[in-house]
């Protein structure tokens, strides 16, 4: 029935390094389901930090974390991972280090997409308006349709830190 996407602004316990440790826990994913854009997926927290240090932007939000998830049986791990890679091709992410880690430890397959808060090429911080967020949701839906996955019906916000989107 389509991917649901949630986004949060880097408020994970332990910062980016804590998130990296969680995402790569044994049993949650496989090496073939991890991808790094302009960074080493094996050490992405350090790579993100180096970029922040270069531009002297070490404070504030450290990353943006998107989650794409699908209903059980709707998609294979490989398809989910490819959809995540296509999602990163959006111009909004140009020049930003990012990782995709596809989790297969639950009934529903889901991608964790983590974007560095500082652009590797320009040193600018990642910002996202509500309109841009909606454009990313629409972009994700377009990608899913290419894989034969129908758009998910809209779901109301469930809390102050996450919103399910279609």
Foldseek 3Di string as FASTA:
>chain_A
DFKWKKKFQQPDPPTPVVVLCVLPDPLFADPVLKDKDVADSVPVLVVLCVLCVVLVNNDDGFKMKMKIKDAAPPDDSVLQSVLVVQLCVPPLQPQWIKMWGWTDNDSIIMIIIITGQAGSVPRHGRDADPVNVLVSLVVSQVSVVVVVHHHDPADAQDDDGIGIGD
